[in-house]
PDB file of N, CA and C in Angstrom:
ATOM      1  N   MET A   1      68.712  68.281  92.744  1.00  0.00           N
ATOM      2  CA  MET A   1      70.077  67.952  93.106  1.00  0.00           C
ATOM      3  C   MET A   1      70.861  69.241  93.339  1.00  0.00           C
ATOM      4  N   ASP A   2      71.588  69.294  94.427  1.00  0.00           N
ATOM      5  CA  ASP A   2      72.376  70.469  94.771  1.00  0.00           C
ATOM      6  C   ASP A   2      73.656  70.487  93.947  1.00  0.00           C
ATOM      7  N   THR A   3      73.854  71.559  93.173  1.00  0.00           N
ATOM      8  CA  THR A   3      75.042  71.651  92.315  1.00  0.00           C
ATOM      9  C   THR A   3      76.113  72.542  92.916  1.00  0.00           C
ATOM     10  N   ARG A   4      75.891  73.026  94.125  1.00  0.00           N
ATOM     11  CA  ARG A   4      76.909  73.862  94.758  1.00  0.00           C
ATOM     12  C   ARG A   4      78.118  73.017  95.126  1.00  0.00           C
ATOM     13  N   PRO A   5      79.332  73.614  95.052  1.00  0.00           N
ATOM     14  CA  PRO A   5      80.518  72.848  95.432  1.00  0.00           C
ATOM     15  C   PRO A   5      80.486  72.508  96.916  1.00  0.00           C
ATOM     16  N   ALA A   6      80.892  71.310  97.235  1.00  0.00           N
ATOM     17  CA  ALA A   6      80.930  70.880  98.635  1.00  0.00           C
ATOM     18  C   ALA A   6      82.096  71.551  99.338  1.00  0.00           C
ATOM     19  N   CYS A   7      81.863  71.989 100.555  1.00  0.00           N
ATOM     20  CA  CYS A   7      82.924  72.613 101.339  1.00  0.00           C
ATOM     21  C   CYS A   7      83.745  71.530 102.018  1.00  0.00           C
ATOM     22  N   SER A   8      85.017  71.726 102.025  1.00  0.00           N
ATOM     23  CA  SER A   8      85.904  70.831 102.762  1.00  0.00           C
ATOM     24  C   SER A   8      85.641  71.041 104.246  1.00  0.00           C
ATOM     25  N   PRO A   9      85.789  70.012 105.068  1.00  0.00           N
ATOM     26  CA  PRO A   9      85.572  70.214 106.499  1.00  0.00           C
ATOM     27  C   PRO A   9      86.560  71.200 107.112  1.00  0.00           C
ATOM     28  N   HIS A  10      87.718  71.366 106.495  1.00  0.00           N
ATOM     29  CA  HIS A  10      88.733  72.268 107.039  1.00  0.00           C
ATOM     30  C   HIS A  10      88.620  73.687 106.494  1.00  0.00           C
ATOM     31  N   LEU A  11      87.938  73.861 105.396  1.00  0.00           N
ATOM     32  CA  LEU A  11      87.790  75.175 104.779  1.00  0.00           C
ATOM     33  C   LEU A  11      86.403  75.681 105.133  1.00  0.00           C
ATOM     34  N   SER A  12      86.341  76.789 105.847  1.00  0.00           N
ATOM     35  CA  SER A  12      85.044  77.275 106.301  1.00  0.00           C
ATOM     36  C   SER A  12      84.191  77.733 105.123  1.00  0.00           C
ATOM     37  N   LYS A  13      82.900  77.794 105.377  1.00  0.00           N
ATOM     38  CA  LYS A  13      81.980  78.268 104.337  1.00  0.00           C
ATOM     39  C   LYS A  13      82.298  79.712 103.971  1.00  0.00           C
ATOM     40  N   LEU A  14      82.726  80.500 104.960  1.00  0.00           N
ATOM     41  CA  LEU A  14      83.088  81.888 104.697  1.00  0.00           C
ATOM     42  C   LEU A  14      84.299  81.964 103.772  1.00  0.00           C
ATOM     43  N   GLU A  15      85.314  81.128 104.025  1.00  0.00           N
ATOM     44  CA  GLU A  15      86.502  81.110 103.160  1.00  0.00           C
ATOM     45  C   GLU A  15      86.142  80.654 101.750  1.00  0.00           C
ATOM     46  N   THR A  16      85.268  79.665 101.651  1.00  0.00           N
ATOM     47  CA  THR A  16      84.842  79.183 100.338  1.00  0.00           C
ATOM     48  C   THR A  16      84.066  80.271  99.610  1.00  0.00           C
ATOM     49  N   ALA A  17      83.159  80.941 100.325  1.00  0.00           N
ATOM     50  CA  ALA A  17      82.381  82.021  99.720  1.00  0.00           C
ATOM     51  C   ALA A  17      83.297  83.160  99.287  1.00  0.00           C
ATOM     52  N   ASP A  18      84.315  83.444 100.099  1.00  0.00           N
ATOM     53  CA  ASP A  18      85.272  84.497  99.767  1.00  0.00           C
ATOM     54  C   ASP A  18      86.037  84.145  98.495  1.00  0.00           C
ATOM     55  N   ALA A  19      86.467  82.899  98.378  1.00  0.00           N
ATOM     56  CA  ALA A  19      87.191  82.460  97.179  1.00  0.00           C
ATOM     57  C   ALA A  19      86.301  82.556  95.948  1.00  0.00           C
ATOM     58  N   LEU A  20      85.048  82.138  96.088  1.00  0.00           N
ATOM     59  CA  LEU A  20      84.126  82.222  94.956  1.00  0.00           C
ATOM     60  C   LEU A  20      83.855  83.674  94.576  1.00  0.00           C
ATOM     61  N   ALA A  21      83.705  84.546  95.574  1.00  0.00           N
ATOM     62  CA  ALA A  21      83.475  85.965  95.299  1.00  0.00           C
ATOM     63  C   ALA A  21      84.678  86.577  94.598  1.00  0.00           C
ATOM     64  N   ASN A  22      85.880  86.227  95.051  1.00  0.00           N
ATOM     65  CA  ASN A  22      87.084  86.742  94.395  1.00  0.00           C
ATOM     66  C   ASN A  22      87.173  86.244  92.961  1.00  0.00           C
ATOM     67  N   GLY A  23      86.766  85.009  92.731  1.00  0.00           N
ATOM     68  CA  GLY A  23      86.754  84.477  91.372  1.00  0.00           C
ATOM     69  C   GLY A  23      85.799  85.237  90.486  1.00  0.00           C
ATOM     70  N   LEU A  24      84.623  85.543  91.011  1.00  0.00           N
ATOM     71  CA  LEU A  24      83.652  86.318  90.237  1.00  0.00           C
ATOM     72  C   LEU A  24      84.160  87.729  89.985  1.00  0.00           C
ATOM     73  N   ASP A  25      84.802  88.326  90.986  1.00  0.00           N
ATOM     74  CA  ASP A  25      85.387  89.653  90.793  1.00  0.00           C
ATOM     75  C   ASP A  25      86.443  89.624  89.696  1.00  0.00           C
ATOM     76  N   ALA A  26      87.276  88.594  89.711  1.00  0.00           N
ATOM     77  CA  ALA A  26      88.311  88.473  88.676  1.00  0.00           C
ATOM     78  C   ALA A  26      87.676  88.341  87.297  1.00  0.00           C
ATOM     79  N   LEU A  27      86.639  87.520  87.193  1.00  0.00           N
ATOM     80  CA  LEU A  27      85.958  87.367  85.904  1.00  0.00           C
ATOM     81  C   LEU A  27      85.306  88.669  85.467  1.00  0.00           C
ATOM     82  N   ASN A  28      84.733  89.400  86.421  1.00  0.00           N
ATOM     83  CA  ASN A  28      84.111  90.681  86.087  1.00  0.00           C
ATOM     84  C   ASN A  28      85.138  91.703  85.624  1.00  0.00           C
ATOM     85  N   LEU A  29      86.359  91.617  86.129  1.00  0.00           N
ATOM     86  CA  LEU A  29      87.427  92.507  85.666  1.00  0.00           C
ATOM     87  C   LEU A  29      87.958  92.074  84.302  1.00  0.00           C
ATOM     88  N   LEU A  30      88.015  90.776  84.080  1.00  0.00           N
ATOM     89  CA  LEU A  30      88.554  90.264  82.817  1.00  0.00           C
ATOM     90  C   LEU A  30      87.617  90.501  81.634  1.00  0.00           C
ATOM     91  N   ARG A  31      86.332  90.382  81.869  1.00  0.00           N
ATOM     92  CA  ARG A  31      85.356  90.459  80.779  1.00  0.00           C
ATOM     93  C   ARG A  31      85.496  91.738  79.943  1.00  0.00           C
ATOM     94  N   PRO A  32      85.502  92.944  80.550  1.00  0.00           N
ATOM     95  CA  PRO A  32      85.646  94.150  79.720  1.00  0.00           C
ATOM     96  C   PRO A  32      87.007  94.238  79.027  1.00  0.00           C
ATOM     97  N   LEU A  33      88.043  93.722  79.682  1.00  0.00           N
ATOM     98  CA  LEU A  33      89.364  93.727  79.040  1.00  0.00           C
ATOM     99  C   LEU A  33      89.358  92.859  77.792  1.00  0.00           C
ATOM    100  N   LEU A  34      88.756  91.685  77.900  1.00  0.00           N
ATOM    101  CA  LEU A  34      88.705  90.783  76.750  1.00  0.00           C
ATOM    102  C   LEU A  34      87.863  91.368  75.622  1.00  0.00           C
ATOM    103  N   LEU A  35      86.785  92.065  75.967  1.00  0.00           N
ATOM    104  CA  LEU A  35      85.974  92.723  74.935  1.00  0.00           C
ATOM    105  C   LEU A  35      86.773  93.819  74.230  1.00  0.00           C
ATOM    106  N   SER A  36      87.528  94.593  75.006  1.00  0.00           N
ATOM    107  CA  SER A  36      88.367  95.641  74.408  1.00  0.00           C
ATOM    108  C   SER A  36      89.434  95.042  73.508  1.00  0.00           C
ATOM    109  N   MET A  37      90.016  93.923  73.946  1.00  0.00           N
ATOM    110  CA  MET A  37      91.028  93.257  73.122  1.00  0.00           C
ATOM    111  C   MET A  37      90.410  92.776  71.814  1.00  0.00           C
ATOM    112  N   ARG A  38      89.217  92.227  71.919  1.00  0.00           N
ATOM    113  CA  ARG A  38      88.528  91.730  70.722  1.00  0.00           C
ATOM    114  C   ARG A  38      88.243  92.870  69.745  1.00  0.00           C
ATOM    115  N   GLN A  39      87.825  94.022  70.280  1.00  0.00           N
ATOM    116  CA  GLN A  39      87.567  95.182  69.426  1.00  0.00           C
ATOM    117  C   GLN A  39      88.848  95.657  68.753  1.00  0.00           C
ATOM    118  N   GLN A  40      89.946  95.674  69.502  1.00  0.00           N
ATOM    119  CA  GLN A  40      91.221  96.095  68.915  1.00  0.00           C
ATOM    120  C   GLN A  40      91.641  95.149  67.794  1.00  0.00           C
ATOM    121  N   LEU A  41      91.465  93.853  68.017  1.00  0.00           N
ATOM    122  CA  LEU A  41      91.861  92.873  67.003  1.00  0.00           C
ATOM    123  C   LEU A  41      90.984  92.952  65.760  1.00  0.00           C
ATOM    124  N   ALA A  42      89.754  93.443  65.917  1.00  0.00           N
ATOM    125  CA  ALA A  42      88.846  93.573  64.776  1.00  0.00           C
ATOM    126  C   ALA A  42      89.198  94.777  63.908  1.00  0.00           C
ATOM    127  N   ASN A  43      89.951  95.726  64.454  1.00  0.00           N
ATOM    128  CA  ASN A  43      90.358  96.905  63.677  1.00  0.00           C
ATOM    129  C   ASN A  43      91.370  96.511  62.614  1.00  0.00           C
ATOM    130  N   PRO A  44      91.289  97.155  61.438  1.00  0.00           N
ATOM    131  CA  PRO A  44      92.298  96.866  60.409  1.00  0.00           C
ATOM    132  C   PRO A  44      93.716  97.208  60.883  1.00  0.00           C
ATOM    133  N   GLN A  45      93.832  98.251  61.699  1.00  0.00           N
ATOM    134  CA  GLN A  45      95.133  98.634  62.255  1.00  0.00           C
ATOM    135  C   GLN A  45      94.985  98.774  63.773  1.00  0.00           C
ATOM    136  N   PRO A  46      95.072  97.666  64.490  1.00  0.00           N
ATOM    137  CA  PRO A  46      94.879  97.745  65.943  1.00  0.00           C
ATOM    138  C   PRO A  46      95.988  98.547  66.612  1.00  0.00           C
ATOM    139  N   ASN A  47      95.629  99.196  67.702  1.00  0.00           N
ATOM    140  CA  ASN A  47      96.590  99.936  68.506  1.00  0.00           C
ATOM    141  C   ASN A  47      97.375  98.908  69.316  1.00  0.00           C
ATOM    142  N   LEU A  48      98.574  98.592  68.865  1.00  0.00           N
ATOM    143  CA  LEU A  48      99.354  97.528  69.499  1.00  0.00           C
ATOM    144  C   LEU A  48      99.774  97.871  70.922  1.00  0.00           C
ATOM    145  N   GLY A  49     100.010  99.143  71.186  1.00  0.00           N
ATOM    146  CA  GLY A  49     100.356  99.551  72.545  1.00  0.00           C
ATOM    147  C   GLY A  49      99.203  99.313  73.504  1.00  0.00           C
ATOM    148  N   GLN A  50      97.998  99.686  73.066  1.00  0.00           N
ATOM    149  CA  GLN A  50      96.823  99.465  73.903  1.00  0.00           C
ATOM    150  C   GLN A  50      96.556  97.971  74.064  1.00  0.00           C
ATOM    151  N   LEU A  51      96.717  97.229  72.989  1.00  0.00           N
ATOM    152  CA  LEU A  51      96.500  95.787  73.035  1.00  0.00           C
ATOM    153  C   LEU A  51      97.489  95.123  73.999  1.00  0.00           C
ATOM    154  N   ASP A  52      98.731  95.574  73.963  1.00  0.00           N
ATOM    155  CA  ASP A  52      99.740  95.036  74.881  1.00  0.00           C
ATOM    156  C   ASP A  52      99.359  95.325  76.330  1.00  0.00           C
ATOM    157  N   GLY A  53      98.912  96.546  76.594  1.00  0.00           N
ATOM    158  CA  GLY A  53      98.488  96.904  77.949  1.00  0.00           C
ATOM    159  C   GLY A  53      97.303  96.079  78.420  1.00  0.00           C
ATOM    160  N   LEU A  54      96.346  95.854  77.520  1.00  0.00           N
ATOM    161  CA  LEU A  54      95.184  95.034  77.862  1.00  0.00           C
ATOM    162  C   LEU A  54      95.602  93.600  78.171  1.00  0.00           C
ATOM    163  N   CYS A  55      96.527  93.080  77.378  1.00  0.00           N
ATOM    164  CA  CYS A  55      97.025  91.713  77.610  1.00  0.00           C
ATOM    165  C   CYS A  55      97.734  91.616  78.957  1.00  0.00           C
ATOM    166  N   GLN A  56      98.540  92.608  79.276  1.00  0.00           N
ATOM    167  CA  GLN A  56      99.254  92.600  80.557  1.00  0.00           C
ATOM    168  C   GLN A  56      98.285  92.677  81.728  1.00  0.00           C
ATOM    169  N   ALA A  57      97.251  93.517  81.600  1.00  0.00           N
ATOM    170  CA  ALA A  57      96.258  93.637  82.670  1.00  0.00           C
ATOM    171  C   ALA A  57      95.493  92.327  82.850  1.00  0.00           C
ATOM    172  N   ALA A  58      95.081  91.711  81.751  1.00  0.00           N
ATOM    173  CA  ALA A  58      94.359  90.438  81.825  1.00  0.00           C
ATOM    174  C   ALA A  58      95.244  89.362  82.458  1.00  0.00           C
ATOM    175  N   ASN A  59      96.503  89.342  82.078  1.00  0.00           N
ATOM    176  CA  ASN A  59      97.445  88.373  82.642  1.00  0.00           C
ATOM    177  C   ASN A  59      97.628  88.597  84.141  1.00  0.00           C
ATOM    178  N   TRP A  60      97.734  89.850  84.555  1.00  0.00           N
ATOM    179  CA  TRP A  60      97.910  90.166  85.966  1.00  0.00           C
ATOM    180  C   TRP A  60      96.699  89.696  86.772  1.00  0.00           C
ATOM    181  N   ILE A  61      95.486  89.975  86.278  1.00  0.00           N
ATOM    182  CA  ILE A  61      94.267  89.567  86.988  1.00  0.00           C
ATOM    183  C   ILE A  61      94.218  88.050  87.124  1.00  0.00           C
ATOM    184  N   ALA A  62      94.485  87.355  86.033  1.00  0.00           N
ATOM    185  CA  ALA A  62      94.451  85.887  86.064  1.00  0.00           C
ATOM    186  C   ALA A  62      95.510  85.341  87.021  1.00  0.00           C
ATOM    187  N   ASP A  63      96.708  85.911  87.008  1.00  0.00           N
ATOM    188  CA  ASP A  63      97.779  85.461  87.911  1.00  0.00           C
ATOM    189  C   ASP A  63      97.425  85.700  89.377  1.00  0.00           C
ATOM    190  N   GLU A  64      96.868  86.880  89.665  1.00  0.00           N
ATOM    191  CA  GLU A  64      96.507  87.191  91.044  1.00  0.00           C
ATOM    192  C   GLU A  64      95.454  86.220  91.563  1.00  0.00           C
ATOM    193  N   TYR A  65      94.462  85.916  90.745  1.00  0.00           N
ATOM    194  CA  TYR A  65      93.422  84.984  91.183  1.00  0.00           C
ATOM    195  C   TYR A  65      93.997  83.578  91.332  1.00  0.00           C
ATOM    196  N   HIS A  66      94.852  83.185  90.404  1.00  0.00           N
ATOM    197  CA  HIS A  66      95.489  81.867  90.504  1.00  0.00           C
ATOM    198  C   HIS A  66      96.317  81.772  91.783  1.00  0.00           C
ATOM    199  N   ASN A  67      97.077  82.818  92.087  1.00  0.00           N
ATOM    200  CA  ASN A  67      97.888  82.825  93.312  1.00  0.00           C
ATOM    201  C   ASN A  67      97.010  82.729  94.556  1.00  0.00           C
ATOM    202  N   TYR A  68      95.869  83.399  94.523  1.00  0.00           N
ATOM    203  CA  TYR A  68      94.939  83.342  95.648  1.00  0.00           C
ATOM    204  C   TYR A  68      94.427  81.918  95.841  1.00  0.00           C
ATOM    205  N   LEU A  69      94.018  81.282  94.748  1.00  0.00           N
ATOM    206  CA  LEU A  69      93.534  79.902  94.838  1.00  0.00           C
ATOM    207  C   LEU A  69      94.635  78.950  95.290  1.00  0.00           C
ATOM    208  N   GLU A  70      95.845  79.167  94.819  1.00  0.00           N
ATOM    209  CA  GLU A  70      96.970  78.318  95.221  1.00  0.00           C
ATOM    210  C   GLU A  70      97.246  78.464  96.720  1.00  0.00           C
ATOM    211  N   ALA A  71      97.154  79.681  97.228  1.00  0.00           N
ATOM    212  CA  ALA A  71      97.351  79.896  98.666  1.00  0.00           C
ATOM    213  C   ALA A  71      96.272  79.176  99.466  1.00  0.00           C
ATOM    214  N   LEU A  72      95.033  79.216  98.995  1.00  0.00           N
ATOM    215  CA  LEU A  72      93.960  78.475  99.664  1.00  0.00           C
ATOM    216  C   LEU A  72      94.240  76.976  99.646  1.00  0.00           C
ATOM    217  N   ARG A  73      94.699  76.468  98.499  1.00  0.00           N
ATOM    218  CA  ARG A  73      94.985  75.040  98.368  1.00  0.00           C
ATOM    219  C   ARG A  73      96.100  74.626  99.324  1.00  0.00           C
ATOM    220  N   GLN A  74      97.169  75.427  99.375  1.00  0.00           N
ATOM    221  CA  GLN A  74      98.287  75.107 100.259  1.00  0.00           C
ATOM    222  C   GLN A  74      97.871  75.156 101.725  1.00  0.00           C
ATOM    223  N   ASP A  75      97.045  76.146 102.070  1.00  0.00           N
ATOM    224  CA  ASP A  75      96.556  76.247 103.438  1.00  0.00           C
ATOM    225  C   ASP A  75      95.721  75.023 103.794  1.00  0.00           C
ATOM    226  N   GLU A  76      94.874  74.605 102.885  1.00  0.00           N
ATOM    227  CA  GLU A  76      94.052  73.415 103.115  1.00  0.00           C
ATOM    228  C   GLU A  76      94.927  72.169 103.250  1.00  0.00           C
ATOM    229  N   ALA A  77      95.971  72.059 102.429  1.00  0.00           N
ATOM    230  CA  ALA A  77      96.877  70.912 102.508  1.00  0.00           C
ATOM    231  C   ALA A  77      97.598  70.891 103.856  1.00  0.00           C
ATOM    232  N   ARG A  78      98.020  72.061 104.352  1.00  0.00           N
ATOM    233  CA  ARG A  78      98.681  72.137 105.659  1.00  0.00           C
ATOM    234  C   ARG A  78      97.728  71.709 106.773  1.00  0.00           C
ATOM    235  N   ARG A  79      96.496  72.161 106.697  1.00  0.00           N
ATOM    236  CA  ARG A  79      95.514  71.804 107.728  1.00  0.00           C
ATOM    237  C   ARG A  79      95.228  70.306 107.705  1.00  0.00           C
ATOM    238  N   THR A  80      95.156  69.740 106.516  1.00  0.00           N
ATOM    239  CA  THR A  80      94.863  68.317 106.372  1.00  0.00           C
ATOM    240  C   THR A  80      96.007  67.468 106.904  1.00  0.00           C
ATOM    241  N   ASN A  81      97.242  67.917 106.690  1.00  0.00           N
ATOM    242  CA  ASN A  81      98.414  67.149 107.120  1.00  0.00           C
ATOM    243  C   ASN A  81      98.699  67.282 108.609  1.00  0.00           C
ATOM    244  N   ASN A  82      98.108  68.255 109.256  1.00  0.00           N
ATOM    245  CA  ASN A  82      98.363  68.444 110.703  1.00  0.00           C
ATOM    246  C   ASN A  82      97.376  67.688 111.534  1.00  0.00           C
TER     247      ASN A  82
END
C-alpha cells in the first residue's frame, strides 16, 4: 500500500515535494535546538539567556514553516475556487 500523501490535482508534484523538503529542513533545524534546550534544562543552573535565545529561534523556525504551509493552503484554495 502506498503511504505517500496524495497530490492535489491543482498542486503540482514539484510544489508538494518542495513543501515536504521545506518541512524536513525545518525539522532538521529544530532538532539541534531542542537538544540544546534539553541540555540547558538538565543543568542545575541553566543559562537562561541562552535558553531564551534557543526558544526564540525554535519559535521562529516553526512560525516560518507554518506560514509557508498556510500560503500553500491559501494558494490551493484560490485555485480551487477559480
